Amino acid sequence: MAARPFPEPPLTDSAVLLCPWEDSDLEFVVTSCQDPDVARFSPAIQFPYTEPDARVRAERGQPGAEIGDDRLLAGA
């Protein structure tokens, strides 16, 4: 199955914009994942979550990528 393109225009509700992952999102993701509740409610996120963890996840993608049904998104 071919990957589907990201929506155009991007998904937004005026408060949150979902957009493709960019390297500039890395620091925010790592900082956000330091919250113990993220680990508590997101078992796929290890605690503590480090910059190398975020880089590996971004490079590897998410489950579903191999069938073109994956979107690594960042909220802005």
PDB file of N, CA and C in Angstrom:
ATOM      1  N   MET A   1       0.851  -1.170   0.000  1.00  0.00           N
ATOM      2  CA  MET A   1       0.000   0.000   0.000  1.00  0.00           C
ATOM      3  C   MET A   1       0.899   1.236   0.000  1.00  0.00           C
ATOM      4  N   ALA A   2       0.625   2.184  -0.863  1.00  0.00           N
ATOM      5  CA  ALA A   2       1.409   3.411  -0.937  1.00  0.00           C
ATOM      6  C   ALA A   2       1.038   4.351   0.205  1.00  0.00           C
ATOM      7  N   ALA A   3       2.021   5.097   0.660  1.00  0.00           N
ATOM      8  CA  ALA A   3       1.775   6.072   1.724  1.00  0.00           C
ATOM      9  C   ALA A   3       0.843   7.164   1.212  1.00  0.00           C
ATOM     10  N   ARG A   4      -0.054   7.567   2.071  1.00  0.00           N
ATOM     11  CA  ARG A   4      -0.952   8.660   1.715  1.00  0.00           C
ATOM     12  C   ARG A   4      -0.289   9.981   2.060  1.00  0.00           C
ATOM     13  N   PRO A   5      -0.550  11.034   1.283  1.00  0.00           N
ATOM     14  CA  PRO A   5       0.055  12.329   1.590  1.00  0.00           C
ATOM     15  C   PRO A   5      -0.578  12.937   2.841  1.00  0.00           C
ATOM     16  N   PHE A   6       0.137  13.843   3.468  1.00  0.00           N
ATOM     17  CA  PHE A   6      -0.420  14.565   4.596  1.00  0.00           C
ATOM     18  C   PHE A   6      -1.568  15.444   4.101  1.00  0.00           C
ATOM     19  N   PRO A   7      -2.528  15.714   4.965  1.00  0.00           N
ATOM     20  CA  PRO A   7      -3.660  16.545   4.548  1.00  0.00           C
ATOM     21  C   PRO A   7      -3.208  17.945   4.133  1.00  0.00           C
ATOM     22  N   GLU A   8      -3.851  18.476   3.143  1.00  0.00           N
ATOM     23  CA  GLU A   8      -3.590  19.844   2.711  1.00  0.00           C
ATOM     24  C   GLU A   8      -4.927  20.531   2.554  1.00  0.00           C
ATOM     25  N   PRO A   9      -5.234  21.529   3.310  1.00  0.00           N
ATOM     26  CA  PRO A   9      -4.389  22.197   4.283  1.00  0.00           C
ATOM     27  C   PRO A   9      -4.174  21.327   5.517  1.00  0.00           C
ATOM     28  N   PRO A  10      -3.149  21.647   6.335  1.00  0.00           N
ATOM     29  CA  PRO A  10      -2.874  20.855   7.544  1.00  0.00           C
ATOM     30  C   PRO A  10      -4.057  20.844   8.505  1.00  0.00           C
ATOM     31  N   LEU A  11      -4.126  19.799   9.338  1.00  0.00           N
ATOM     32  CA  LEU A  11      -5.192  19.675  10.316  1.00  0.00           C
ATOM     33  C   LEU A  11      -4.978  20.664  11.456  1.00  0.00           C
ATOM     34  N   THR A  12      -5.984  21.456  11.757  1.00  0.00           N
ATOM     35  CA  THR A  12      -5.887  22.424  12.841  1.00  0.00           C
ATOM     36  C   THR A  12      -7.275  22.751  13.361  1.00  0.00           C
ATOM     37  N   ASP A  13      -7.294  23.188  14.610  1.00  0.00           N
ATOM     38  CA  ASP A  13      -8.551  23.681  15.190  1.00  0.00           C
ATOM     39  C   ASP A  13      -8.340  25.079  15.770  1.00  0.00           C
ATOM     40  N   SER A  14      -7.351  25.783  15.278  1.00  0.00           N
ATOM     41  CA  SER A  14      -6.950  27.122  15.707  1.00  0.00           C
ATOM     42  C   SER A  14      -6.147  27.114  17.002  1.00  0.00           C
ATOM     43  N   ALA A  15      -6.186  26.031  17.777  1.00  0.00           N
ATOM     44  CA  ALA A  15      -5.370  25.930  18.985  1.00  0.00           C
ATOM     45  C   ALA A  15      -4.214  24.968  18.772  1.00  0.00           C
ATOM     46  N   VAL A  16      -4.441  23.910  17.992  1.00  0.00           N
ATOM     47  CA  VAL A  16      -3.436  22.880  17.744  1.00  0.00           C
ATOM     48  C   VAL A  16      -3.313  22.683  16.244  1.00  0.00           C
ATOM     49  N   LEU A  17      -2.085  22.591  15.795  1.00  0.00           N
ATOM     50  CA  LEU A  17      -1.805  22.307  14.393  1.00  0.00           C
ATOM     51  C   LEU A  17      -1.037  20.996  14.332  1.00  0.00           C
ATOM     52  N   LEU A  18      -1.562  20.006  13.632  1.00  0.00           N
ATOM     53  CA  LEU A  18      -0.844  18.747  13.438  1.00  0.00           C
ATOM     54  C   LEU A  18      -0.078  18.836  12.130  1.00  0.00           C
ATOM     55  N   CYS A  19       1.210  18.604  12.226  1.00  0.00           N
ATOM     56  CA  CYS A  19       2.062  18.743  11.057  1.00  0.00           C
ATOM     57  C   CYS A  19       3.137  17.669  11.090  1.00  0.00           C
ATOM     58  N   PRO A  20       3.800  17.440   9.964  1.00  0.00           N
ATOM     59  CA  PRO A  20       4.867  16.440   9.947  1.00  0.00           C
ATOM     60  C   PRO A  20       5.967  16.797  10.945  1.00  0.00           C
ATOM     61  N   TRP A  21       6.599  15.764  11.501  1.00  0.00           N
ATOM     62  CA  TRP A  21       7.707  15.902  12.445  1.00  0.00           C
ATOM     63  C   TRP A  21       8.852  16.660  11.787  1.00  0.00           C
ATOM     64  N   GLU A  22       9.479  17.555  12.554  1.00  0.00           N
ATOM     65  CA  GLU A  22      10.686  18.249  12.120  1.00  0.00           C
ATOM     66  C   GLU A  22      11.721  18.144  13.241  1.00  0.00           C
ATOM     67  N   ASP A  23      12.978  18.260  12.889  1.00  0.00           N
ATOM     68  CA  ASP A  23      14.039  18.193  13.899  1.00  0.00           C
ATOM     69  C   ASP A  23      13.848  19.220  15.009  1.00  0.00           C
ATOM     70  N   SER A  24      13.246  20.349  14.680  1.00  0.00           N
ATOM     71  CA  SER A  24      13.039  21.396  15.682  1.00  0.00           C
ATOM     72  C   SER A  24      12.036  20.973  16.759  1.00  0.00           C
ATOM     73  N   ASP A  25      11.296  19.882  16.550  1.00  0.00           N
ATOM     74  CA  ASP A  25      10.336  19.375  17.536  1.00  0.00           C
ATOM     75  C   ASP A  25      11.013  18.542  18.626  1.00  0.00           C
ATOM     76  N   LEU A  26      12.246  18.143  18.396  1.00  0.00           N
ATOM     77  CA  LEU A  26      12.928  17.195  19.277  1.00  0.00           C
ATOM     78  C   LEU A  26      12.986  17.662  20.735  1.00  0.00           C
ATOM     79  N   GLU A  27      13.425  18.879  20.973  1.00  0.00           N
ATOM     80  CA  GLU A  27      13.568  19.369  22.342  1.00  0.00           C
ATOM     81  C   GLU A  27      12.228  19.369  23.081  1.00  0.00           C
ATOM     82  N   PHE A  28      11.171  19.806  22.418  1.00  0.00           N
ATOM     83  CA  PHE A  28       9.843  19.828  23.042  1.00  0.00           C
ATOM     84  C   PHE A  28       9.371  18.416  23.388  1.00  0.00           C
ATOM     85  N   VAL A  29       9.584  17.472  22.476  1.00  0.00           N
ATOM     86  CA  VAL A  29       9.159  16.085  22.716  1.00  0.00           C
ATOM     87  C   VAL A  29       9.890  15.502  23.919  1.00  0.00           C
ATOM     88  N   VAL A  30      11.198  15.686  23.969  1.00  0.00           N
ATOM     89  CA  VAL A  30      11.991  15.150  25.085  1.00  0.00           C
ATOM     90  C   VAL A  30      11.537  15.781  26.397  1.00  0.00           C
ATOM     91  N   THR A  31      11.366  17.097  26.416  1.00  0.00           N
ATOM     92  CA  THR A  31      10.926  17.787  27.629  1.00  0.00           C
ATOM     93  C   THR A  31       9.538  17.297  28.059  1.00  0.00           C
ATOM     94  N   SER A  32       8.630  17.177  27.127  1.00  0.00           N
ATOM     95  CA  SER A  32       7.270  16.716  27.448  1.00  0.00           C
ATOM     96  C   SER A  32       7.266  15.313  28.022  1.00  0.00           C
ATOM     97  N   CYS A  33       8.138  14.471  27.522  1.00  0.00           N
ATOM     98  CA  CYS A  33       8.169  13.074  27.964  1.00  0.00           C
ATOM     99  C   CYS A  33       8.849  12.893  29.317  1.00  0.00           C
ATOM    100  N   GLN A  34       9.326  13.967  29.925  1.00  0.00           N
ATOM    101  CA  GLN A  34       9.876  13.884  31.280  1.00  0.00           C
ATOM    102  C   GLN A  34       8.775  13.856  32.331  1.00  0.00           C
ATOM    103  N   ASP A  35       7.554  14.146  31.920  1.00  0.00           N
ATOM    104  CA  ASP A  35       6.409  14.116  32.827  1.00  0.00           C
ATOM    105  C   ASP A  35       6.098  12.655  33.168  1.00  0.00           C
ATOM    106  N   PRO A  36       6.125  12.280  34.447  1.00  0.00           N
ATOM    107  CA  PRO A  36       5.845  10.892  34.819  1.00  0.00           C
ATOM    108  C   PRO A  36       4.481  10.390  34.342  1.00  0.00           C
ATOM    109  N   ASP A  37       3.513  11.292  34.171  1.00  0.00           N
ATOM    110  CA  ASP A  37       2.199  10.857  33.680  1.00  0.00           C
ATOM    111  C   ASP A  37       2.248  10.413  32.225  1.00  0.00           C
ATOM    112  N   VAL A  38       3.197  10.949  31.454  1.00  0.00           N
ATOM    113  CA  VAL A  38       3.343  10.481  30.074  1.00  0.00           C
ATOM    114  C   VAL A  38       3.728   9.002  30.090  1.00  0.00           C
ATOM    115  N   ALA A  39       4.701   8.652  30.931  1.00  0.00           N
ATOM    116  CA  ALA A  39       5.106   7.246  31.043  1.00  0.00           C
ATOM    117  C   ALA A  39       3.965   6.404  31.607  1.00  0.00           C
ATOM    118  N   ARG A  40       3.257   6.960  32.548  1.00  0.00           N
ATOM    119  CA  ARG A  40       2.160   6.209  33.187  1.00  0.00           C
ATOM    120  C   ARG A  40       1.057   5.860  32.188  1.00  0.00           C
ATOM    121  N   PHE A  41       0.681   6.809  31.351  1.00  0.00           N
ATOM    122  CA  PHE A  41      -0.442   6.611  30.435  1.00  0.00           C
ATOM    123  C   PHE A  41      -0.025   6.244  29.016  1.00  0.00           C
ATOM    124  N   SER A  42       1.265   6.231  28.753  1.00  0.00           N
ATOM    125  CA  SER A  42       1.780   5.874  27.426  1.00  0.00           C
ATOM    126  C   SER A  42       2.865   4.824  27.600  1.00  0.00           C
ATOM    127  N   PRO A  43       2.492   3.570  27.754  1.00  0.00           N
ATOM    128  CA  PRO A  43       3.489   2.537  28.040  1.00  0.00           C
ATOM    129  C   PRO A  43       4.558   2.379  26.952  1.00  0.00           C
ATOM    130  N   ALA A  44       4.317   2.872  25.763  1.00  0.00           N
ATOM    131  CA  ALA A  44       5.331   2.778  24.708  1.00  0.00           C
ATOM    132  C   ALA A  44       6.446   3.801  24.897  1.00  0.00           C
ATOM    133  N   ILE A  45       6.230   4.783  25.776  1.00  0.00           N
ATOM    134  CA  ILE A  45       7.232   5.803  26.056  1.00  0.00           C
ATOM    135  C   ILE A  45       7.958   5.421  27.339  1.00  0.00           C
ATOM    136  N   GLN A  46       9.255   5.127  27.227  1.00  0.00           N
ATOM    137  CA  GLN A  46      10.015   4.750  28.424  1.00  0.00           C
ATOM    138  C   GLN A  46      10.296   5.990  29.264  1.00  0.00           C
ATOM    139  N   PHE A  47      10.618   5.772  30.510  1.00  0.00           N
ATOM    140  CA  PHE A  47      10.919   6.869  31.428  1.00  0.00           C
ATOM    141  C   PHE A  47      12.207   6.546  32.148  1.00  0.00           C
ATOM    142  N   PRO A  48      13.178   7.401  32.167  1.00  0.00           N
ATOM    143  CA  PRO A  48      13.174   8.713  31.518  1.00  0.00           C
ATOM    144  C   PRO A  48      13.345   8.582  30.003  1.00  0.00           C
ATOM    145  N   TYR A  49      12.852   9.549  29.291  1.00  0.00           N
ATOM    146  CA  TYR A  49      12.901   9.597  27.837  1.00  0.00           C
ATOM    147  C   TYR A  49      14.004  10.575  27.449  1.00  0.00           C
ATOM    148  N   THR A  50      14.943  10.126  26.642  1.00  0.00           N
ATOM    149  CA  THR A  50      16.117  10.934  26.327  1.00  0.00           C
ATOM    150  C   THR A  50      16.098  11.411  24.871  1.00  0.00           C
ATOM    151  N   GLU A  51      17.003  12.322  24.568  1.00  0.00           N
ATOM    152  CA  GLU A  51      17.122  12.796  23.187  1.00  0.00           C
ATOM    153  C   GLU A  51      17.444  11.650  22.228  1.00  0.00           C
ATOM    154  N   PRO A  52      18.371  10.732  22.575  1.00  0.00           N
ATOM    155  CA  PRO A  52      18.594   9.597  21.676  1.00  0.00           C
ATOM    156  C   PRO A  52      17.328   8.742  21.473  1.00  0.00           C
ATOM    157  N   ASP A  53      16.511   8.588  22.524  1.00  0.00           N
ATOM    158  CA  ASP A  53      15.251   7.847  22.374  1.00  0.00           C
ATOM    159  C   ASP A  53      14.371   8.516  21.321  1.00  0.00           C
ATOM    160  N   ALA A  54      14.251   9.830  21.400  1.00  0.00           N
ATOM    161  CA  ALA A  54      13.406  10.569  20.462  1.00  0.00           C
ATOM    162  C   ALA A  54      13.954  10.481  19.039  1.00  0.00           C
ATOM    163  N   ARG A  55      15.273  10.564  18.903  1.00  0.00           N
ATOM    164  CA  ARG A  55      15.874  10.478  17.563  1.00  0.00           C
ATOM    165  C   ARG A  55      15.627   9.106  16.931  1.00  0.00           C
ATOM    166  N   VAL A  56      15.798   8.048  17.718  1.00  0.00           N
ATOM    167  CA  VAL A  56      15.561   6.689  17.206  1.00  0.00           C
ATOM    168  C   VAL A  56      14.113   6.537  16.780  1.00  0.00           C
ATOM    169  N   ARG A  57      13.194   7.009  17.613  1.00  0.00           N
ATOM    170  CA  ARG A  57      11.770   6.882  17.283  1.00  0.00           C
ATOM    171  C   ARG A  57      11.427   7.651  16.009  1.00  0.00           C
ATOM    172  N   ALA A  58      11.986   8.848  15.857  1.00  0.00           N
ATOM    173  CA  ALA A  58      11.722   9.647  14.664  1.00  0.00           C
ATOM    174  C   ALA A  58      12.314   8.997  13.414  1.00  0.00           C
ATOM    175  N   GLU A  59      13.516   8.437  13.540  1.00  0.00           N
ATOM    176  CA  GLU A  59      14.159   7.798  12.396  1.00  0.00           C
ATOM    177  C   GLU A  59      13.474   6.497  12.013  1.00  0.00           C
ATOM    178  N   ARG A  60      13.022   5.757  13.021  1.00  0.00           N
ATOM    179  CA  ARG A  60      12.391   4.453  12.791  1.00  0.00           C
ATOM    180  C   ARG A  60      10.939   4.592  12.370  1.00  0.00           C
ATOM    181  N   GLY A  61      10.308   5.654  12.803  1.00  0.00           N
ATOM    182  CA  GLY A  61       8.895   5.832  12.508  1.00  0.00           C
ATOM    183  C   GLY A  61       8.042   5.093  13.516  1.00  0.00           C
ATOM    184  N   GLN A  62       6.797   5.000  13.232  1.00  0.00           N
ATOM    185  CA  GLN A  62       5.811   4.391  14.121  1.00  0.00           C
ATOM    186  C   GLN A  62       5.322   3.080  13.517  1.00  0.00           C
ATOM    187  N   PRO A  63       4.705   2.230  14.348  1.00  0.00           N
ATOM    188  CA  PRO A  63       4.094   1.023  13.780  1.00  0.00           C
ATOM    189  C   PRO A  63       3.119   1.420  12.676  1.00  0.00           C
ATOM    190  N   GLY A  64       3.137   0.688  11.607  1.00  0.00           N
ATOM    191  CA  GLY A  64       2.257   0.981  10.485  1.00  0.00           C
ATOM    192  C   GLY A  64       2.990   1.637   9.327  1.00  0.00           C
ATOM    193  N   ALA A  65       4.210   2.116   9.568  1.00  0.00           N
ATOM    194  CA  ALA A  65       4.936   2.812   8.509  1.00  0.00           C
ATOM    195  C   ALA A  65       5.192   1.908   7.312  1.00  0.00           C
ATOM    196  N   GLU A  66       5.438   0.642   7.596  1.00  0.00           N
ATOM    197  CA  GLU A  66       5.772  -0.271   6.501  1.00  0.00           C
ATOM    198  C   GLU A  66       4.600  -0.517   5.559  1.00  0.00           C
ATOM    199  N   ILE A  67       3.387  -0.204   5.982  1.00  0.00           N
ATOM    200  CA  ILE A  67       2.237  -0.363   5.079  1.00  0.00           C
ATOM    201  C   ILE A  67       1.699   0.983   4.624  1.00  0.00           C
ATOM    202  N   GLY A  68       2.467   2.053   4.909  1.00  0.00           N
ATOM    203  CA  GLY A  68       2.087   3.367   4.421  1.00  0.00           C
ATOM    204  C   GLY A  68       0.949   3.994   5.210  1.00  0.00           C
ATOM    205  N   ASP A  69       0.703   3.515   6.420  1.00  0.00           N
ATOM    206  CA  ASP A  69      -0.404   4.039   7.218  1.00  0.00           C
ATOM    207  C   ASP A  69       0.116   4.653   8.505  1.00  0.00           C
ATOM    208  N   ASP A  70       1.205   5.390   8.401  1.00  0.00           N
ATOM    209  CA  ASP A  70       1.825   5.977   9.587  1.00  0.00           C
ATOM    210  C   ASP A  70       1.984   7.461   9.404  1.00  0.00           C
ATOM    211  N   ARG A  71       1.762   8.171  10.468  1.00  0.00           N
ATOM    212  CA  ARG A  71       1.984   9.612  10.460  1.00  0.00           C
ATOM    213  C   ARG A  71       2.700   9.966  11.755  1.00  0.00           C
ATOM    214  N   LEU A  72       3.950  10.382  11.661  1.00  0.00           N
ATOM    215  CA  LEU A  72       4.653  10.895  12.830  1.00  0.00           C
ATOM    216  C   LEU A  72       4.380  12.387  12.825  1.00  0.00           C
ATOM    217  N   LEU A  73       3.501  12.810  13.715  1.00  0.00           N
ATOM    218  CA  LEU A  73       3.043  14.189  13.738  1.00  0.00           C
ATOM    219  C   LEU A  73       3.540  14.913  14.970  1.00  0.00           C
ATOM    220  N   ALA A  74       3.626  16.201  14.834  1.00  0.00           N
ATOM    221  CA  ALA A  74       3.963  17.054  15.966  1.00  0.00           C
ATOM    222  C   ALA A  74       2.841  18.072  16.118  1.00  0.00           C
ATOM    223  N   GLY A  75       2.544  18.408  17.335  1.00  0.00           N
ATOM    224  CA  GLY A  75       1.552  19.446  17.593  1.00  0.00           C
ATOM    225  C   GLY A  75       2.255  20.775  17.739  1.00  0.00           C
ATOM    226  N   ALA A  76       1.699  21.793  17.141  1.00  0.00           N
ATOM    227  CA  ALA A  76       2.300  23.128  17.246  1.00  0.00           C
ATOM    228  C   ALA A  76       1.257  24.102  17.755  1.00  0.00           C
TER     229      ALA A  76
END
